[in-house]
C-alpha atoms as a PDB file:
ATOM      1  CA  UNK A   1      -4.543  29.144 -30.225  1.00  0.00           C
ATOM      2  CA  UNK A   2      -4.227  27.454 -33.620  1.00  0.00           C
ATOM      3  CA  UNK A   3      -6.567  30.106 -35.092  1.00  0.00           C
ATOM      4  CA  UNK A   4      -4.380  32.930 -33.694  1.00  0.00           C
ATOM      5  CA  UNK A   5      -1.240  31.422 -35.216  1.00  0.00           C
ATOM      6  CA  UNK A   6      -2.929  31.022 -38.600  1.00  0.00           C
ATOM      7  CA  UNK A   7      -4.202  34.621 -38.537  1.00  0.00           C
ATOM      8  CA  UNK A   8      -0.795  36.020 -37.535  1.00  0.00           C
ATOM      9  CA  UNK A   9       0.842  34.004 -40.313  1.00  0.00           C
ATOM     10  CA  UNK A  10      -1.582  35.448 -42.867  1.00  0.00           C
ATOM     11  CA  UNK A  11      -0.962  39.000 -41.613  1.00  0.00           C
ATOM     12  CA  UNK A  12       2.823  38.626 -41.815  1.00  0.00           C
ATOM     13  CA  UNK A  13       2.772  36.905 -45.212  1.00  0.00           C
ATOM     14  CA  UNK A  14       0.451  39.448 -46.861  1.00  0.00           C
ATOM     15  CA  UNK A  15       1.678  42.565 -45.065  1.00  0.00           C
ATOM     16  CA  UNK A  16      -1.943  43.190 -44.083  1.00  0.00           C
ATOM     17  CA  UNK A  17      -0.706  44.735 -40.871  1.00  0.00           C
ATOM     18  CA  UNK A  18       1.552  47.238 -42.628  1.00  0.00           C
ATOM     19  CA  UNK A  19       0.512  50.861 -42.417  1.00  0.00           C
ATOM     20  CA  UNK A  20       1.366  52.588 -45.673  1.00  0.00           C
ATOM     21  CA  UNK A  21       0.446  56.054 -44.374  1.00  0.00           C
ATOM     22  CA  UNK A  22       3.110  58.650 -43.724  1.00  0.00           C
ATOM     23  CA  UNK A  23       2.933  60.007 -40.220  1.00  0.00           C
ATOM     24  CA  UNK A  24       4.441  62.916 -38.347  1.00  0.00           C
ATOM     25  CA  UNK A  25       7.572  60.904 -37.462  1.00  0.00           C
ATOM     26  CA  UNK A  26       9.143  62.372 -40.637  1.00  0.00           C
ATOM     27  CA  UNK A  27       8.628  65.917 -39.318  1.00  0.00           C
ATOM     28  CA  UNK A  28      11.104  68.158 -37.539  1.00  0.00           C
ATOM     29  CA  UNK A  29      10.436  68.371 -33.834  1.00  0.00           C
ATOM     30  CA  UNK A  30       8.671  71.610 -32.936  1.00  0.00           C
ATOM     31  CA  UNK A  31       7.485  72.333 -36.475  1.00  0.00           C
ATOM     32  CA  UNK A  32       3.803  72.878 -37.187  1.00  0.00           C
ATOM     33  CA  UNK A  33       2.251  69.728 -38.603  1.00  0.00           C
ATOM     34  CA  UNK A  34      -0.952  70.110 -40.603  1.00  0.00           C
ATOM     35  CA  UNK A  35      -3.297  67.214 -41.275  1.00  0.00           C
ATOM     36  CA  UNK A  36      -6.019  66.523 -43.848  1.00  0.00           C
ATOM     37  CA  UNK A  37      -9.599  66.071 -42.549  1.00  0.00           C
ATOM     38  CA  UNK A  38      -9.107  62.285 -42.844  1.00  0.00           C
ATOM     39  CA  UNK A  39      -6.172  62.486 -40.396  1.00  0.00           C
ATOM     40  CA  UNK A  40      -3.340  61.940 -42.877  1.00  0.00           C
ATOM     41  CA  UNK A  41      -0.336  64.250 -42.851  1.00  0.00           C
ATOM     42  CA  UNK A  42      -0.737  67.245 -45.177  1.00  0.00           C
ATOM     43  CA  UNK A  43       2.362  69.340 -44.539  1.00  0.00           C
ATOM     44  CA  UNK A  44       5.339  69.739 -42.230  1.00  0.00           C
ATOM     45  CA  UNK A  45       9.050  70.575 -42.175  1.00  0.00           C
ATOM     46  CA  UNK A  46      11.165  67.445 -42.741  1.00  0.00           C
ATOM     47  CA  UNK A  47      13.631  66.422 -40.040  1.00  0.00           C
ATOM     48  CA  UNK A  48      15.733  64.358 -42.494  1.00  0.00           C
ATOM     49  CA  UNK A  49      15.891  63.780 -46.232  1.00  0.00           C
ATOM     50  CA  UNK A  50      12.817  61.722 -47.080  1.00  0.00           C
ATOM     51  CA  UNK A  51      12.302  59.552 -50.160  1.00  0.00           C
ATOM     52  CA  UNK A  52       8.743  59.332 -51.440  1.00  0.00           C
ATOM     53  CA  UNK A  53       7.565  58.159 -54.851  1.00  0.00           C
ATOM     54  CA  UNK A  54      11.233  58.000 -55.929  1.00  0.00           C
ATOM     55  CA  UNK A  55      11.857  61.651 -55.034  1.00  0.00           C
ATOM     56  CA  UNK A  56      14.324  62.673 -52.324  1.00  0.00           C
ATOM     57  CA  UNK A  57      12.774  65.596 -50.467  1.00  0.00           C
ATOM     58  CA  UNK A  58      15.282  67.793 -48.671  1.00  0.00           C
ATOM     59  CA  UNK A  59      15.565  67.938 -44.893  1.00  0.00           C
ATOM     60  CA  UNK A  60      14.567  71.152 -43.088  1.00  0.00           C
ATOM     61  CA  UNK A  61      12.270  72.043 -46.004  1.00  0.00           C
ATOM     62  CA  UNK A  62       8.461  71.762 -46.212  1.00  0.00           C
ATOM     63  CA  UNK A  63       6.768  68.726 -47.722  1.00  0.00           C
ATOM     64  CA  UNK A  64       3.151  68.724 -48.906  1.00  0.00           C
ATOM     65  CA  UNK A  65       1.179  65.527 -49.418  1.00  0.00           C
ATOM     66  CA  UNK A  66      -2.184  64.646 -50.896  1.00  0.00           C
ATOM     67  CA  UNK A  67      -4.751  62.853 -48.705  1.00  0.00           C
ATOM     68  CA  UNK A  68      -3.707  59.609 -50.398  1.00  0.00           C
ATOM     69  CA  UNK A  69      -0.123  60.048 -49.144  1.00  0.00           C
ATOM     70  CA  UNK A  70       1.192  60.864 -52.623  1.00  0.00           C
ATOM     71  CA  UNK A  71       3.717  63.690 -52.887  1.00  0.00           C
ATOM     72  CA  UNK A  72       2.249  67.062 -53.849  1.00  0.00           C
ATOM     73  CA  UNK A  73       5.457  69.129 -53.648  1.00  0.00           C
ATOM     74  CA  UNK A  74       8.766  69.580 -51.878  1.00  0.00           C
ATOM     75  CA  UNK A  75      12.298  70.884 -52.381  1.00  0.00           C
ATOM     76  CA  UNK A  76      14.365  68.079 -53.849  1.00  0.00           C
ATOM     77  CA  UNK A  77      17.731  67.240 -52.327  1.00  0.00           C
ATOM     78  CA  UNK A  78      19.052  65.420 -55.405  1.00  0.00           C
ATOM     79  CA  UNK A  79      18.616  65.559 -59.150  1.00  0.00           C
ATOM     80  CA  UNK A  80      15.424  63.786 -60.213  1.00  0.00           C
ATOM     81  CA  UNK A  81      14.647  62.329 -63.628  1.00  0.00           C
ATOM     82  CA  UNK A  82      11.083  62.071 -64.823  1.00  0.00           C
ATOM     83  CA  UNK A  83      11.174  60.329 -68.199  1.00  0.00           C
ATOM     84  CA  UNK A  84      13.428  62.597 -70.312  1.00  0.00           C
ATOM     85  CA  UNK A  85      12.965  65.577 -67.971  1.00  0.00           C
ATOM     86  CA  UNK A  86      15.809  66.225 -65.549  1.00  0.00           C
ATOM     87  CA  UNK A  87      14.848  68.290 -62.494  1.00  0.00           C
ATOM     88  CA  UNK A  88      17.517  70.325 -60.721  1.00  0.00           C
ATOM     89  CA  UNK A  89      18.571  69.570 -57.163  1.00  0.00           C
ATOM     90  CA  UNK A  90      17.726  71.998 -54.329  1.00  0.00           C
ATOM     91  CA  UNK A  91      14.665  73.291 -56.194  1.00  0.00           C
ATOM     92  CA  UNK A  92      10.900  72.968 -55.904  1.00  0.00           C
ATOM     93  CA  UNK A  93       9.137  70.047 -57.585  1.00  0.00           C
ATOM     94  CA  UNK A  94       5.409  69.355 -57.737  1.00  0.00           C
ATOM     95  CA  UNK A  95       3.179  66.518 -58.886  1.00  0.00           C
ATOM     96  CA  UNK A  96      -0.453  65.994 -59.751  1.00  0.00           C
ATOM     97  CA  UNK A  97      -2.410  63.652 -57.488  1.00  0.00           C
ATOM     98  CA  UNK A  98      -1.967  60.959 -60.156  1.00  0.00           C
ATOM     99  CA  UNK A  99       1.826  61.076 -59.661  1.00  0.00           C
ATOM    100  CA  UNK A 100       2.480  62.850 -62.967  1.00  0.00           C
ATOM    101  CA  UNK A 101       5.039  65.664 -62.831  1.00  0.00           C
ATOM    102  CA  UNK A 102       3.464  69.120 -62.659  1.00  0.00           C
ATOM    103  CA  UNK A 103       6.441  71.502 -62.369  1.00  0.00           C
ATOM    104  CA  UNK A 104      10.158  71.561 -61.687  1.00  0.00           C
ATOM    105  CA  UNK A 105      13.309  73.508 -62.541  1.00  0.00           C
ATOM    106  CA  UNK A 106      15.190  71.894 -65.428  1.00  0.00           C
ATOM    107  CA  UNK A 107      18.704  70.612 -64.752  1.00  0.00           C
ATOM    108  CA  UNK A 108      19.606  70.782 -68.462  1.00  0.00           C
ATOM    109  CA  UNK A 109      18.232  72.163 -71.711  1.00  0.00           C
ATOM    110  CA  UNK A 110      15.856  69.684 -73.364  1.00  0.00           C
ATOM    111  CA  UNK A 111      13.472  69.458 -76.273  1.00  0.00           C
ATOM    112  CA  UNK A 112       9.965  68.295 -75.440  1.00  0.00           C
ATOM    113  CA  UNK A 113       6.894  68.277 -77.673  1.00  0.00           C
ATOM    114  CA  UNK A 114       8.958  70.062 -80.345  1.00  0.00           C
ATOM    115  CA  UNK A 115       9.964  72.969 -78.100  1.00  0.00           C
ATOM    116  CA  UNK A 116      13.404  73.707 -76.642  1.00  0.00           C
ATOM    117  CA  UNK A 117      13.241  74.298 -72.896  1.00  0.00           C
ATOM    118  CA  UNK A 118      16.049  76.145 -71.130  1.00  0.00           C
ATOM    119  CA  UNK A 119      18.236  74.784 -68.345  1.00  0.00           C
ATOM    120  CA  UNK A 120      17.618  76.169 -64.827  1.00  0.00           C
ATOM    121  CA  UNK A 121      14.189  77.487 -65.834  1.00  0.00           C
ATOM    122  CA  UNK A 122      10.751  76.149 -64.814  1.00  0.00           C
ATOM    123  CA  UNK A 123       8.889  73.571 -66.861  1.00  0.00           C
ATOM    124  CA  UNK A 124       5.210  72.842 -66.416  1.00  0.00           C
ATOM    125  CA  UNK A 125       3.226  69.875 -67.743  1.00  0.00           C
ATOM    126  CA  UNK A 126      -0.459  69.183 -68.150  1.00  0.00           C
ATOM    127  CA  UNK A 127      -1.854  66.247 -66.185  1.00  0.00           C
ATOM    128  CA  UNK A 128      -1.667  64.125 -69.348  1.00  0.00           C
ATOM    129  CA  UNK A 129       2.120  64.654 -69.364  1.00  0.00           C
ATOM    130  CA  UNK A 130       2.198  67.036 -72.343  1.00  0.00           C
ATOM    131  CA  UNK A 131       4.144  70.290 -72.169  1.00  0.00           C
ATOM    132  CA  UNK A 132       2.189  73.221 -70.729  1.00  0.00           C
ATOM    133  CA  UNK A 133       5.000  75.783 -70.645  1.00  0.00           C
ATOM    134  CA  UNK A 134       8.733  76.338 -70.415  1.00  0.00           C
ATOM    135  CA  UNK A 135      11.288  79.052 -71.218  1.00  0.00           C
ATOM    136  CA  UNK A 136      13.030  78.841 -74.586  1.00  0.00           C
ATOM    137  CA  UNK A 137      16.782  79.535 -74.718  1.00  0.00           C
ATOM    138  CA  UNK A 138      17.758  82.923 -76.119  1.00  0.00           C
ATOM    139  CA  UNK A 139      19.213  82.852 -79.608  1.00  0.00           C
END
């Protein structure tokens, strides 16, 4: 009995019993849920707004996750700031498996790596965080 109490105390204090995986409870009832070979959720339609890695993914829209549970892409329900890059609400956002921003639609015109990038146009970064491409404002 004493052993069981000690073990339960350790589990509660260290959160060893916490499951960090995202399961199908975030998915809209009746939507097709797809899983990775390791059993983790890959994609589904969200039943509610869902916050993951600081990003609010919009309800009734698809979410795609990596096997690790990190966000791959979704439609964002709110503006999202990634360093100096502002991503527009109600638009697609994607990340590399490392958590680095891959693409989004800019919420405002910015200058990055010496290039002006136009508001409401896509921006794409390399996995090292450097600018891959964006649309320059017309002069």
